[in-house]
Amino acid sequence: MTSSSKTSPASSVAVFDKAKPLTTEMLTPKYIREATAAIHTPRQSVEMAKSGQAYAPTVRKVVRELGTNAMVVMVKLQMVELNLVLNLARPMTEPMIEQTAPLVVQHILEDDCDVTLADLRIIFDRAKKGTYGSFYGGIGSADIIAWIDGYIAEKCSEYERWHQNEYQRLDPYERDSSDTKAERNAFHEAIAQYTQARLTKGQNTEQQ
């Protein structure tokens, strides 16, 4: 067999598969960007996850399978890339990144909403695009946590919208049953309270 007839290995495609274990190689900005390329907004994050069109592991899943340190390293890599893209006059220093990344991971783990790797990518992409404004004074941990809180509030609103759409798809008998109405009202109240709490917390963080 000549060298030209040898079969070359198939090129790897970045993808997250629920059925397969995570690896640390999947936590690089490049891999996450490619594997979650179809998800650009909180609405898509909710709808594609619910429909099965796209999947991105949650921060909790990463910590469960690979450990907290692996998740912290992932956030550090995102912060380093953000530094490079923004080219700030006062960039985040290495000690700042070392201290901020664990705080970010801890903040997410303490939250009730499932933040995925796609969500984190979107948050950092927004910062790169200037969605959060200019950073003449630099970026600190409070800024990043405020971005996360604001995003989570958006995602909760999308959960509420998705749930409302699913409710409207029920047949009239099931939709009007007392059990369905009670469940619907409880869900709506929980989402409203949670969203308000996140917004209030985000506003308080920005004022500090």
Protein backbone atom coordinates (compact mmCIF):
# COMPACT_ATOMS: atom_id res chain seq x y z
CA MET A 1 0.00 0.00 0.00
CA THR A 2 1.43 3.37 -1.02
CA SER A 3 1.56 6.32 1.33
CA SER A 4 -0.97 8.19 -0.80
CA SER A 5 -3.55 5.45 -0.23
CA LYS A 6 -3.36 5.51 3.54
CA THR A 7 -6.48 6.64 5.29
CA SER A 8 -6.00 9.93 7.14
CA PRO A 9 -7.71 10.37 10.50
CA ALA A 10 -11.01 12.15 10.41
CA SER A 11 -10.85 15.77 11.49
CA SER A 12 -12.33 16.26 14.93
CA VAL A 13 -15.48 18.30 15.25
CA ALA A 14 -16.13 20.27 18.41
CA VAL A 15 -19.35 19.02 19.96
CA PHE A 16 -20.88 18.45 23.37
CA ASP A 17 -22.63 15.10 23.76
CA LYS A 18 -24.79 14.33 26.80
CA ALA A 19 -23.90 10.66 26.52
CA LYS A 20 -20.15 11.22 26.60
CA PRO A 21 -17.98 12.39 29.52
CA LEU A 22 -16.44 15.84 29.48
CA THR A 23 -12.71 16.38 29.11
CA THR A 24 -10.55 19.38 30.00
CA GLU A 25 -9.82 19.85 26.28
CA MET A 26 -13.48 20.80 25.86
CA LEU A 27 -13.12 23.82 28.16
CA THR A 28 -10.97 26.00 25.92
CA PRO A 29 -12.56 29.14 24.44
CA LYS A 30 -12.05 27.78 20.90
CA TYR A 31 -13.75 24.46 21.59
CA ILE A 32 -16.68 26.06 23.42
CA ARG A 33 -17.12 28.64 20.67
CA GLU A 34 -17.25 25.95 17.98
CA ALA A 35 -19.40 23.49 19.96
CA THR A 36 -22.00 26.14 20.86
CA ALA A 37 -21.88 28.15 17.63
CA ALA A 38 -25.65 27.80 17.11
CA ILE A 39 -26.48 29.50 20.42
CA HIS A 40 -26.29 33.30 20.43
CA THR A 41 -28.95 34.55 22.86
CA PRO A 42 -30.62 33.57 26.16
CA ARG A 43 -33.74 32.66 24.16
CA GLN A 44 -31.79 30.25 21.97
CA SER A 45 -30.06 28.85 25.05
CA VAL A 46 -33.46 27.94 26.52
CA GLU A 47 -35.29 26.89 23.35
CA MET A 48 -32.51 24.75 21.87
CA ALA A 49 -31.91 23.01 25.17
CA LYS A 50 -35.60 22.26 25.60
CA SER A 51 -36.04 21.07 22.02
CA GLY A 52 -32.79 19.09 21.94
CA GLN A 53 -31.46 21.07 18.96
CA ALA A 54 -28.29 22.02 20.80
CA TYR A 55 -26.68 20.99 24.05
CA ALA A 56 -24.16 22.72 26.28
CA PRO A 57 -23.14 21.34 29.68
CA THR A 58 -23.91 23.35 32.77
CA VAL A 59 -21.28 24.74 35.10
CA ARG A 60 -22.56 22.28 37.72
CA LYS A 61 -21.97 19.36 35.37
CA VAL A 62 -18.42 20.49 34.64
CA VAL A 63 -17.68 20.77 38.37
CA ARG A 64 -19.31 17.40 39.03
CA GLU A 65 -17.32 15.59 36.34
CA LEU A 66 -14.02 17.48 36.20
CA GLY A 67 -13.84 19.36 39.49
CA THR A 68 -14.08 23.00 40.52
CA ASN A 69 -10.52 23.79 39.49
CA ALA A 70 -11.22 22.78 35.88
CA MET A 71 -14.15 25.20 35.80
CA VAL A 72 -12.03 27.95 37.34
CA VAL A 73 -9.39 27.41 34.64
CA MET A 74 -12.11 27.70 31.98
CA VAL A 75 -13.19 31.10 33.34
CA LYS A 76 -9.56 32.24 33.51
CA LEU A 77 -9.11 31.37 29.82
CA GLN A 78 -12.20 33.40 28.94
CA MET A 79 -10.87 36.35 30.93
CA VAL A 80 -7.43 36.14 29.29
CA GLU A 81 -9.05 36.09 25.83
CA LEU A 82 -11.23 39.06 26.82
CA ASN A 83 -8.10 40.97 27.84
CA LEU A 84 -6.51 40.32 24.46
CA VAL A 85 -9.58 41.26 22.43
CA LEU A 86 -10.39 44.50 24.29
CA ASN A 87 -6.77 45.67 24.52
CA LEU A 88 -7.63 47.72 27.61
CA ALA A 89 -5.50 50.60 28.81
CA ARG A 90 -5.87 49.03 32.24
CA PRO A 91 -6.09 45.29 31.50
CA MET A 92 -6.91 42.68 34.09
CA THR A 93 -3.66 41.60 35.71
CA GLU A 94 -2.73 37.99 36.34
CA PRO A 95 -3.40 38.31 40.11
CA MET A 96 -6.81 39.85 39.35
CA ILE A 97 -7.69 36.96 37.06
CA GLU A 98 -6.46 34.45 39.64
CA GLN A 99 -8.69 35.99 42.32
CA THR A 100 -11.75 36.72 40.15
CA ALA A 101 -12.22 33.38 38.38
CA PRO A 102 -12.94 31.37 41.58
CA LEU A 103 -15.39 34.08 42.72
CA VAL A 104 -17.24 33.84 39.41
CA VAL A 105 -17.53 30.06 39.61
CA GLN A 106 -18.65 30.19 43.23
CA HIS A 107 -21.26 32.84 42.38
CA ILE A 108 -22.70 30.67 39.61
CA LEU A 109 -22.77 27.54 41.79
CA GLU A 110 -24.66 29.41 44.51
CA ASP A 111 -27.35 30.36 42.01
CA ASP A 112 -30.45 28.29 41.30
CA CYS A 113 -30.41 28.86 37.55
CA ASP A 114 -28.44 26.43 35.39
CA VAL A 115 -25.76 28.47 33.65
CA THR A 116 -24.19 26.59 30.74
CA LEU A 117 -20.86 26.96 28.98
CA ALA A 118 -22.78 28.49 26.08
CA ASP A 119 -24.22 31.10 28.45
CA LEU A 120 -20.76 32.03 29.71
CA ARG A 121 -19.51 32.28 26.14
CA ILE A 122 -22.37 34.63 25.26
CA ILE A 123 -21.65 36.80 28.31
CA PHE A 124 -17.98 37.20 27.42
CA ASP A 125 -18.82 37.69 23.73
CA ARG A 126 -21.13 40.55 24.71
CA ALA A 127 -18.28 42.18 26.62
CA LYS A 128 -16.04 41.87 23.57
CA LYS A 129 -18.69 43.53 21.40
CA GLY A 130 -19.15 46.45 23.79
CA THR A 131 -22.63 45.46 24.96
CA TYR A 132 -21.70 46.40 28.52
CA GLY A 133 -20.17 49.72 27.50
CA SER A 134 -16.60 50.94 27.50
CA PHE A 135 -14.18 49.91 30.21
CA TYR A 136 -12.05 52.99 30.68
CA GLY A 137 -11.58 52.15 34.36
CA GLY A 138 -10.80 48.53 33.64
CA ILE A 139 -12.81 45.40 34.51
CA GLY A 140 -13.19 43.95 38.00
CA SER A 141 -14.90 40.96 39.57
CA ALA A 142 -18.00 43.05 40.37
CA ASP A 143 -18.41 43.87 36.67
CA ILE A 144 -18.28 40.25 35.56
CA ILE A 145 -20.66 39.12 38.31
CA ALA A 146 -23.07 41.91 37.34
CA TRP A 147 -22.96 40.70 33.72
CA ILE A 148 -23.80 37.18 34.89
CA ASP A 149 -26.67 38.35 37.10
CA GLY A 150 -28.15 40.40 34.26
CA TYR A 151 -27.87 37.48 31.86
CA ILE A 152 -29.47 35.08 34.32
CA ALA A 153 -32.40 37.47 34.72
CA GLU A 154 -32.81 37.47 30.92
CA LYS A 155 -32.65 33.69 30.80
CA CYS A 156 -35.27 33.37 33.54
CA SER A 157 -37.58 35.60 31.51
CA GLU A 158 -37.03 33.31 28.54
CA TYR A 159 -37.87 30.28 30.69
CA GLU A 160 -41.12 32.02 31.61
CA ARG A 161 -41.90 32.80 27.97
CA TRP A 162 -41.12 29.22 26.92
CA HIS A 163 -43.33 27.84 29.69
CA GLN A 164 -46.16 30.14 28.61
CA ASN A 165 -45.88 28.91 25.02
CA GLU A 166 -45.95 25.28 26.18
CA TYR A 167 -49.01 26.05 28.31
CA GLN A 168 -50.82 27.51 25.30
CA ARG A 169 -50.12 24.32 23.32
CA LEU A 170 -52.06 22.18 25.78
CA ASP A 171 -55.56 21.13 24.78
CA PRO A 172 -58.30 23.30 26.39
CA TYR A 173 -59.36 20.61 28.89
CA GLU A 174 -55.84 20.06 30.20
CA ARG A 175 -54.99 23.77 30.13
CA ASP A 176 -58.06 24.69 32.18
CA SER A 177 -57.70 21.95 34.78
CA SER A 178 -57.19 23.14 38.35
CA ASP A 179 -53.88 21.23 38.66
CA THR A 180 -52.44 22.80 35.50
CA LYS A 181 -53.52 26.29 36.56
CA ALA A 182 -52.04 25.86 40.02
CA GLU A 183 -48.76 24.61 38.58
CA ARG A 184 -48.74 27.45 36.06
CA ASN A 185 -49.37 30.11 38.71
CA ALA A 186 -46.73 28.68 41.04
CA PHE A 187 -44.17 28.58 38.25
CA HIS A 188 -44.97 32.14 37.18
CA GLU A 189 -44.67 33.45 40.74
CA ALA A 190 -41.37 31.64 41.33
CA ILE A 191 -39.84 32.97 38.12
CA ALA A 192 -41.06 36.52 38.84
CA GLN A 193 -39.59 36.51 42.34
CA TYR A 194 -36.32 34.96 41.17
CA THR A 195 -35.91 37.39 38.27
CA GLN A 196 -36.57 40.39 40.51
CA ALA A 197 -34.05 39.11 43.05
CA ARG A 198 -31.38 38.72 40.36
CA LEU A 199 -32.02 42.20 38.97
CA THR A 200 -31.89 43.75 42.44
CA LYS A 201 -28.68 41.90 43.25
CA GLY A 202 -27.12 42.99 39.96
CA GLN A 203 -28.03 46.64 40.61
CA ASN A 204 -26.56 46.48 44.11
CA THR A 205 -23.36 44.94 42.75
CA GLU A 206 -22.94 47.70 40.18
CA GLN A 207 -23.39 50.38 42.86
CA GLN A 208 -20.69 48.93 45.12
